Amino acid sequence: MIEKTLSVGPFQCNCRILVCPKTGDGLLVDPGDESDVILQEIQAIEAQLGRSVRVRYLLHTHGHLDHIGGTRGVKEGLQGSAPTIALHREDQQLYQNLQMQGNLFGIKFANPLPVDHFLEDNETLQVGEMKLSIVHTPGHSPGSVCIRLHEDSNLKIPETLFSGDTLFQGSVGRTDLWGANQEQMFSSIRKRILVLDDDTRVCPGHGPNTSIGLEKRENPFLSR
C-alpha cells in the first residue's frame, strides 16, 4: 500500500492518502484544506506508480471545518475519478454549514458539494484490494466515525484505525463544541476503540500516530 500523510490548513489536519499499488484505486481520509497540495501529492503518487490513480472515496471522520474544507476542491480537481464524498448522516448539518463554521474563524469557504454516501456503523468498503470498515464513535460530534483499515500482509498493511478527533496520542477529542457529548465520547473510546488489539496502529486527525496498547497504558485521559 502507498500511504501519504499531509498536515493541511491552519489547524494542521492530517489528510491521509491511501492507494492500492495493484489496482491504482485509492481513497482520502479527511481532505481538510489545501486541495491544491493534496492534488499535487496524488500526481506525485501517479508518477511513482507509473499509472493513474482513481480516487474512489473522500472519507470524513466528522464534519468539522478542518476535516472537510478541502473536499470540494479535491473532488473538482479529480475529474477523471469522480470520488464519492462520504460522511456519517449525523454530521450532515455540520458539513452543510461549512461556511458558517469558517466565519467563526475568519476563514472563507465555498459551499460544500452534496454528500454522495452516508456511512453506516459496521459498513465495509473495498478499495482495490484494501478492506475498510466504519466504526461509529459519537461524542466529539454526533456523527464522528473511526475508519478501520484491515491488516493485509500481501499489501504490507498493518491493522490501522483512523481515529479522527476522538483519540489522539496522549489525549482525546474536545467535547465543548456543538453536538459534542463527553460521556458519549468516552463510552465510544472504551467500547469501540480500546477493544481492538494492542498493536493496532492509531492514526489521529491531528498530531503523531500511536497505538491502542500505548494509549491504554499511558493516556492520562483514559486512566480515570
C-alpha atoms as a PDB file:
ATOM      1  CA  MET A   1       0.000   0.000   0.000  1.00  0.00           C
ATOM      2  CA  ILE A   2       1.084   3.535  -0.692  1.00  0.00           C
ATOM      3  CA  GLU A   3       0.246   5.865   2.191  1.00  0.00           C
ATOM      4  CA  LYS A   4       0.909   9.578   2.452  1.00  0.00           C
ATOM      5  CA  THR A   5       0.008  11.950   5.279  1.00  0.00           C
ATOM      6  CA  LEU A   6      -0.314  15.681   4.698  1.00  0.00           C
ATOM      7  CA  SER A   7      -0.928  18.085   7.579  1.00  0.00           C
ATOM      8  CA  VAL A   8      -3.084  20.729   5.924  1.00  0.00           C
ATOM      9  CA  GLY A   9      -4.607  24.080   6.783  1.00  0.00           C
ATOM     10  CA  PRO A  10      -4.283  26.343   9.822  1.00  0.00           C
ATOM     11  CA  PHE A  11      -5.473  23.538  12.106  1.00  0.00           C
ATOM     12  CA  GLN A  12      -2.921  21.066  10.661  1.00  0.00           C
ATOM     13  CA  CYS A  13      -5.440  18.313   9.975  1.00  0.00           C
ATOM     14  CA  ASN A  14      -3.872  15.023   8.939  1.00  0.00           C
ATOM     15  CA  CYS A  15      -5.147  14.227   5.459  1.00  0.00           C
ATOM     16  CA  ARG A  16      -4.368  10.602   4.607  1.00  0.00           C
ATOM     17  CA  ILE A  17      -3.946   9.360   1.045  1.00  0.00           C
ATOM     18  CA  LEU A  18      -4.108   5.577   0.590  1.00  0.00           C
ATOM     19  CA  VAL A  19      -3.546   3.833  -2.736  1.00  0.00           C
ATOM     20  CA  CYS A  20      -3.628   0.159  -3.637  1.00  0.00           C
ATOM     21  CA  PRO A  21      -0.498  -0.371  -5.765  1.00  0.00           C
ATOM     22  CA  LYS A  22      -2.005  -3.385  -7.532  1.00  0.00           C
ATOM     23  CA  THR A  23      -5.067  -1.605  -8.922  1.00  0.00           C
ATOM     24  CA  GLY A  24      -4.327   2.123  -8.635  1.00  0.00           C
ATOM     25  CA  ASP A  25      -7.547   2.613  -6.663  1.00  0.00           C
ATOM     26  CA  GLY A  26      -7.292   4.993  -3.733  1.00  0.00           C
ATOM     27  CA  LEU A  27      -9.102   6.989  -1.094  1.00  0.00           C
ATOM     28  CA  LEU A  28      -8.592  10.062   1.040  1.00  0.00           C
ATOM     29  CA  VAL A  29      -9.381  10.430   4.718  1.00  0.00           C
ATOM     30  CA  ASP A  30     -10.234  13.997   5.823  1.00  0.00           C
ATOM     31  CA  PRO A  31      -9.192  16.270   2.932  1.00  0.00           C
ATOM     32  CA  GLY A  32      -9.476  19.234   5.284  1.00  0.00           C
ATOM     33  CA  ASP A  33      -7.765  22.057   3.387  1.00  0.00           C
ATOM     34  CA  GLU A  34      -5.139  22.943   0.759  1.00  0.00           C
ATOM     35  CA  SER A  35      -6.781  20.960  -2.018  1.00  0.00           C
ATOM     36  CA  ASP A  36      -4.048  22.045  -4.442  1.00  0.00           C
ATOM     37  CA  VAL A  37      -1.379  20.471  -2.227  1.00  0.00           C
ATOM     38  CA  ILE A  38      -3.412  17.255  -1.940  1.00  0.00           C
ATOM     39  CA  LEU A  39      -3.881  17.069  -5.703  1.00  0.00           C
ATOM     40  CA  GLN A  40      -0.147  17.599  -6.263  1.00  0.00           C
ATOM     41  CA  GLU A  41       0.614  14.705  -3.911  1.00  0.00           C
ATOM     42  CA  ILE A  42      -1.764  12.443  -5.833  1.00  0.00           C
ATOM     43  CA  GLN A  43       0.065  13.394  -9.025  1.00  0.00           C
ATOM     44  CA  ALA A  44       3.369  12.521  -7.357  1.00  0.00           C
ATOM     45  CA  ILE A  45       1.974   9.103  -6.424  1.00  0.00           C
ATOM     46  CA  GLU A  46       0.875   8.587 -10.029  1.00  0.00           C
ATOM     47  CA  ALA A  47       4.415   9.356 -11.164  1.00  0.00           C
ATOM     48  CA  GLN A  48       5.759   6.890  -8.608  1.00  0.00           C
ATOM     49  CA  LEU A  49       3.373   4.153  -9.755  1.00  0.00           C
ATOM     50  CA  GLY A  50       3.663   4.950 -13.440  1.00  0.00           C
ATOM     51  CA  ARG A  51      -0.119   4.821 -13.748  1.00  0.00           C
ATOM     52  CA  SER A  52      -3.211   6.868 -12.992  1.00  0.00           C
ATOM     53  CA  VAL A  53      -4.721   6.814  -9.517  1.00  0.00           C
ATOM     54  CA  ARG A  54      -8.504   6.514  -9.334  1.00  0.00           C
ATOM     55  CA  VAL A  55      -9.683   8.012  -6.045  1.00  0.00           C
ATOM     56  CA  ARG A  56     -12.839   6.135  -5.102  1.00  0.00           C
ATOM     57  CA  TYR A  57     -13.778   7.850  -1.832  1.00  0.00           C
ATOM     58  CA  LEU A  58     -13.300  11.070   0.080  1.00  0.00           C
ATOM     59  CA  LEU A  59     -13.971   9.738   3.577  1.00  0.00           C
ATOM     60  CA  HIS A  60     -14.598  12.041   6.523  1.00  0.00           C
ATOM     61  CA  THR A  61     -14.237  11.124  10.172  1.00  0.00           C
ATOM     62  CA  HIS A  62     -16.575  14.006  11.048  1.00  0.00           C
ATOM     63  CA  GLY A  63     -17.965  17.291   9.783  1.00  0.00           C
ATOM     64  CA  HIS A  64     -15.804  19.991  11.389  1.00  0.00           C
ATOM     65  CA  LEU A  65     -14.371  22.601   9.032  1.00  0.00           C
ATOM     66  CA  ASP A  66     -10.744  21.477   9.361  1.00  0.00           C
ATOM     67  CA  HIS A  67     -11.671  17.990   8.108  1.00  0.00           C
ATOM     68  CA  ILE A  68     -13.942  18.946   5.207  1.00  0.00           C
ATOM     69  CA  GLY A  69     -12.664  22.317   3.958  1.00  0.00           C
ATOM     70  CA  GLY A  70     -10.699  20.923   1.004  1.00  0.00           C
ATOM     71  CA  THR A  71     -13.263  18.359  -0.119  1.00  0.00           C
ATOM     72  CA  ARG A  72     -14.875  20.424  -2.846  1.00  0.00           C
ATOM     73  CA  GLY A  73     -11.552  21.455  -4.382  1.00  0.00           C
ATOM     74  CA  VAL A  74     -10.240  17.899  -4.344  1.00  0.00           C
ATOM     75  CA  LYS A  75     -13.332  16.390  -5.938  1.00  0.00           C
ATOM     76  CA  GLU A  76     -13.487  19.064  -8.618  1.00  0.00           C
ATOM     77  CA  GLY A  77      -9.766  18.600  -9.293  1.00  0.00           C
ATOM     78  CA  LEU A  78     -10.143  14.833  -9.727  1.00  0.00           C
ATOM     79  CA  GLN A  79     -12.331  14.998 -12.798  1.00  0.00           C
ATOM     80  CA  GLY A  80     -11.262  11.594 -14.012  1.00  0.00           C
ATOM     81  CA  SER A  81     -12.068   9.886 -10.724  1.00  0.00           C
ATOM     82  CA  ALA A  82     -15.417  11.331  -9.568  1.00  0.00           C
ATOM     83  CA  PRO A  83     -14.802  10.187  -5.972  1.00  0.00           C
ATOM     84  CA  THR A  84     -17.694   9.555  -3.599  1.00  0.00           C
ATOM     85  CA  ILE A  85     -17.999  12.087  -0.768  1.00  0.00           C
ATOM     86  CA  ALA A  86     -18.835  10.042   2.336  1.00  0.00           C
ATOM     87  CA  LEU A  87     -19.812  11.146   5.837  1.00  0.00           C
ATOM     88  CA  HIS A  88     -21.986   9.855   8.680  1.00  0.00           C
ATOM     89  CA  ARG A  89     -25.536  11.201   8.431  1.00  0.00           C
ATOM     90  CA  GLU A  90     -25.440  12.591  11.983  1.00  0.00           C
ATOM     91  CA  ASP A  91     -22.823  15.146  10.889  1.00  0.00           C
ATOM     92  CA  GLN A  92     -24.622  16.271   7.750  1.00  0.00           C
ATOM     93  CA  GLN A  93     -25.759  19.507   9.412  1.00  0.00           C
ATOM     94  CA  LEU A  94     -22.186  20.366  10.380  1.00  0.00           C
ATOM     95  CA  TYR A  95     -20.996  19.588   6.857  1.00  0.00           C
ATOM     96  CA  GLN A  96     -23.673  21.698   5.202  1.00  0.00           C
ATOM     97  CA  ASN A  97     -22.787  24.635   7.464  1.00  0.00           C
ATOM     98  CA  LEU A  98     -19.133  24.752   6.431  1.00  0.00           C
ATOM     99  CA  GLN A  99     -19.335  28.437   5.532  1.00  0.00           C
ATOM    100  CA  MET A 100     -20.812  29.308   8.914  1.00  0.00           C
ATOM    101  CA  GLN A 101     -18.078  27.305  10.656  1.00  0.00           C
ATOM    102  CA  GLY A 102     -15.469  29.174   8.650  1.00  0.00           C
ATOM    103  CA  ASN A 103     -16.957  32.557   9.524  1.00  0.00           C
ATOM    104  CA  LEU A 104     -16.374  31.828  13.218  1.00  0.00           C
ATOM    105  CA  PHE A 105     -12.622  31.674  12.473  1.00  0.00           C
ATOM    106  CA  GLY A 106     -12.452  34.299   9.749  1.00  0.00           C
ATOM    107  CA  ILE A 107     -11.949  31.666   7.040  1.00  0.00           C
ATOM    108  CA  LYS A 108     -13.908  31.791   3.778  1.00  0.00           C
ATOM    109  CA  PHE A 109     -15.124  28.585   2.140  1.00  0.00           C
ATOM    110  CA  ALA A 110     -17.255  27.883  -0.898  1.00  0.00           C
ATOM    111  CA  ASN A 111     -20.467  25.967  -0.304  1.00  0.00           C
ATOM    112  CA  PRO A 112     -19.715  22.240   0.114  1.00  0.00           C
ATOM    113  CA  LEU A 113     -20.708  19.754  -2.541  1.00  0.00           C
ATOM    114  CA  PRO A 114     -23.504  17.327  -1.608  1.00  0.00           C
ATOM    115  CA  VAL A 115     -22.689  14.198   0.358  1.00  0.00           C
ATOM    116  CA  ASP A 116     -22.862  11.239  -2.037  1.00  0.00           C
ATOM    117  CA  HIS A 117     -22.977   8.482   0.543  1.00  0.00           C
ATOM    118  CA  PHE A 118     -23.816   8.310   4.245  1.00  0.00           C
ATOM    119  CA  LEU A 119     -21.525   5.994   6.165  1.00  0.00           C
ATOM    120  CA  GLU A 120     -23.133   3.348   8.390  1.00  0.00           C
ATOM    121  CA  ASP A 121     -21.745   1.696  11.501  1.00  0.00           C
ATOM    122  CA  ASN A 122     -20.063  -1.628  10.631  1.00  0.00           C
ATOM    123  CA  GLU A 123     -20.242  -0.867   6.908  1.00  0.00           C
ATOM    124  CA  THR A 124     -17.408  -2.338   4.878  1.00  0.00           C
ATOM    125  CA  LEU A 125     -15.706  -0.708   1.910  1.00  0.00           C
ATOM    126  CA  GLN A 126     -13.455  -2.307  -0.667  1.00  0.00           C
ATOM    127  CA  VAL A 127     -11.000  -0.028  -2.468  1.00  0.00           C
ATOM    128  CA  GLY A 128      -8.794  -2.004  -4.783  1.00  0.00           C
ATOM    129  CA  GLU A 129      -7.537  -4.796  -2.532  1.00  0.00           C
ATOM    130  CA  MET A 130      -7.787  -2.648   0.614  1.00  0.00           C
ATOM    131  CA  LYS A 131     -10.592  -3.549   3.006  1.00  0.00           C
ATOM    132  CA  LEU A 132     -12.001  -0.956   5.392  1.00  0.00           C
ATOM    133  CA  SER A 133     -14.841  -0.828   7.880  1.00  0.00           C
ATOM    134  CA  ILE A 134     -16.676   2.021   9.594  1.00  0.00           C
ATOM    135  CA  VAL A 135     -16.898   2.336  13.375  1.00  0.00           C
ATOM    136  CA  HIS A 136     -19.405   4.934  14.604  1.00  0.00           C
ATOM    137  CA  THR A 137     -17.823   6.678  17.606  1.00  0.00           C
ATOM    138  CA  PRO A 138     -20.085   9.603  18.570  1.00  0.00           C
ATOM    139  CA  GLY A 139     -19.025  12.090  21.217  1.00  0.00           C
ATOM    140  CA  HIS A 140     -16.647  14.587  19.641  1.00  0.00           C
ATOM    141  CA  SER A 141     -19.504  15.159  17.216  1.00  0.00           C
ATOM    142  CA  PRO A 142     -22.745  13.203  16.692  1.00  0.00           C
ATOM    143  CA  GLY A 143     -21.502  11.588  13.502  1.00  0.00           C
ATOM    144  CA  SER A 144     -17.873  11.002  14.379  1.00  0.00           C
ATOM    145  CA  VAL A 145     -16.549   7.752  12.945  1.00  0.00           C
ATOM    146  CA  CYS A 146     -13.283   5.888  13.008  1.00  0.00           C
ATOM    147  CA  ILE A 147     -12.166   4.189   9.809  1.00  0.00           C
ATOM    148  CA  ARG A 148     -10.587   0.792  10.282  1.00  0.00           C
ATOM    149  CA  LEU A 149      -8.120  -0.391   7.656  1.00  0.00           C
ATOM    150  CA  HIS A 150      -7.761  -4.136   7.959  1.00  0.00           C
ATOM    151  CA  GLU A 151      -4.412  -5.860   8.034  1.00  0.00           C
ATOM    152  CA  ASP A 152      -3.181  -7.340   4.763  1.00  0.00           C
ATOM    153  CA  SER A 153       0.278  -8.877   4.679  1.00  0.00           C
ATOM    154  CA  ASN A 154       0.314  -9.002   0.871  1.00  0.00           C
ATOM    155  CA  LEU A 155      -0.101  -5.223   0.703  1.00  0.00           C
ATOM    156  CA  LYS A 156       2.067  -4.672   3.796  1.00  0.00           C
ATOM    157  CA  ILE A 157      -0.848  -3.063   5.634  1.00  0.00           C
ATOM    158  CA  PRO A 158      -0.814  -3.189   9.439  1.00  0.00           C
ATOM    159  CA  GLU A 159      -4.123  -3.166  11.324  1.00  0.00           C
ATOM    160  CA  THR A 160      -4.889   0.567  11.418  1.00  0.00           C
ATOM    161  CA  LEU A 161      -7.529   2.869  12.864  1.00  0.00           C
ATOM    162  CA  PHE A 162      -8.009   6.393  11.543  1.00  0.00           C
ATOM    163  CA  SER A 163      -9.437   7.876  14.715  1.00  0.00           C
ATOM    164  CA  GLY A 164     -10.344  11.396  13.596  1.00  0.00           C
ATOM    165  CA  ASP A 165     -10.607  13.709  16.586  1.00  0.00           C
ATOM    166  CA  THR A 166     -11.818  11.058  19.013  1.00  0.00           C
ATOM    167  CA  LEU A 167      -8.473   9.654  20.178  1.00  0.00           C
ATOM    168  CA  PHE A 168      -5.023  11.243  19.955  1.00  0.00           C
ATOM    169  CA  GLN A 169      -1.579  10.337  21.200  1.00  0.00           C
ATOM    170  CA  GLY A 170      -1.883  11.081  24.923  1.00  0.00           C
ATOM    171  CA  SER A 171      -5.184  12.907  24.577  1.00  0.00           C
ATOM    172  CA  VAL A 172      -8.809  12.737  23.473  1.00  0.00           C
ATOM    173  CA  GLY A 173     -11.170  14.914  21.464  1.00  0.00           C
ATOM    174  CA  ARG A 174     -12.816  18.125  22.587  1.00  0.00           C
ATOM    175  CA  THR A 175     -16.394  17.971  23.815  1.00  0.00           C
ATOM    176  CA  ASP A 176     -17.161  21.693  24.113  1.00  0.00           C
ATOM    177  CA  LEU A 177     -18.366  22.046  20.506  1.00  0.00           C
ATOM    178  CA  TRP A 178     -21.869  21.817  19.027  1.00  0.00           C
ATOM    179  CA  GLY A 179     -23.386  18.362  19.394  1.00  0.00           C
ATOM    180  CA  ALA A 180     -20.485  17.007  21.454  1.00  0.00           C
ATOM    181  CA  ASN A 181     -21.016  14.809  24.495  1.00  0.00           C
ATOM    182  CA  GLN A 182     -18.162  13.888  26.819  1.00  0.00           C
ATOM    183  CA  GLU A 183     -19.788  10.827  28.369  1.00  0.00           C
ATOM    184  CA  GLN A 184     -20.708   9.519  24.941  1.00  0.00           C
ATOM    185  CA  MET A 185     -17.189  10.051  23.629  1.00  0.00           C
ATOM    186  CA  PHE A 186     -15.548   8.153  26.481  1.00  0.00           C
ATOM    187  CA  SER A 187     -18.075   5.368  26.013  1.00  0.00           C
ATOM    188  CA  SER A 188     -17.176   5.222  22.318  1.00  0.00           C
ATOM    189  CA  ILE A 189     -13.481   5.047  23.163  1.00  0.00           C
ATOM    190  CA  ARG A 190     -13.944   2.283  25.754  1.00  0.00           C
ATOM    191  CA  LYS A 191     -16.444   0.153  23.836  1.00  0.00           C
ATOM    192  CA  ARG A 192     -15.458   0.703  20.216  1.00  0.00           C
ATOM    193  CA  ILE A 193     -11.746   1.585  20.164  1.00  0.00           C
ATOM    194  CA  LEU A 194      -9.891   0.128  23.150  1.00  0.00           C
ATOM    195  CA  VAL A 195     -11.343  -3.316  22.389  1.00  0.00           C
ATOM    196  CA  LEU A 196      -9.053  -3.537  19.356  1.00  0.00           C
ATOM    197  CA  ASP A 197      -5.732  -5.367  19.555  1.00  0.00           C
ATOM    198  CA  ASP A 198      -2.994  -3.504  21.405  1.00  0.00           C
ATOM    199  CA  ASP A 199      -0.741  -3.428  18.342  1.00  0.00           C
ATOM    200  CA  THR A 200      -3.384  -1.686  16.220  1.00  0.00           C
ATOM    201  CA  ARG A 201      -1.873   1.466  14.757  1.00  0.00           C
ATOM    202  CA  VAL A 202      -3.882   4.606  15.571  1.00  0.00           C
ATOM    203  CA  CYS A 203      -3.696   7.497  13.101  1.00  0.00           C
ATOM    204  CA  PRO A 204      -5.410  10.577  14.574  1.00  0.00           C
ATOM    205  CA  GLY A 205      -6.806  13.606  12.817  1.00  0.00           C
ATOM    206  CA  HIS A 206      -4.032  15.765  14.286  1.00  0.00           C
ATOM    207  CA  GLY A 207      -0.583  15.011  15.622  1.00  0.00           C
ATOM    208  CA  PRO A 208       1.525  11.848  15.590  1.00  0.00           C
ATOM    209  CA  ASN A 209       0.433   8.247  15.242  1.00  0.00           C
ATOM    210  CA  THR A 210       0.178   5.967  18.245  1.00  0.00           C
ATOM    211  CA  SER A 211      -1.190   2.505  19.116  1.00  0.00           C
ATOM    212  CA  ILE A 212      -4.056   1.068  21.117  1.00  0.00           C
ATOM    213  CA  GLY A 213      -1.695  -0.525  23.632  1.00  0.00           C
ATOM    214  CA  LEU A 214       0.256   2.677  24.189  1.00  0.00           C
ATOM    215  CA  GLU A 215      -2.905   4.685  24.815  1.00  0.00           C
ATOM    216  CA  LYS A 216      -4.227   2.069  27.237  1.00  0.00           C
ATOM    217  CA  ARG A 217      -1.023   2.318  29.248  1.00  0.00           C
ATOM    218  CA  GLU A 218      -0.111   5.996  29.061  1.00  0.00           C
ATOM    219  CA  ASN A 219      -3.050   8.190  28.015  1.00  0.00           C
ATOM    220  CA  PRO A 220      -3.918  10.172  31.179  1.00  0.00           C
ATOM    221  CA  PHE A 221      -7.494  10.758  29.999  1.00  0.00           C
ATOM    222  CA  LEU A 222      -8.143   7.018  29.848  1.00  0.00           C
ATOM    223  CA  SER A 223      -6.812   6.103  33.279  1.00  0.00           C
ATOM    224  CA  ARG A 224      -9.597   7.712  35.257  1.00  0.00           C
END
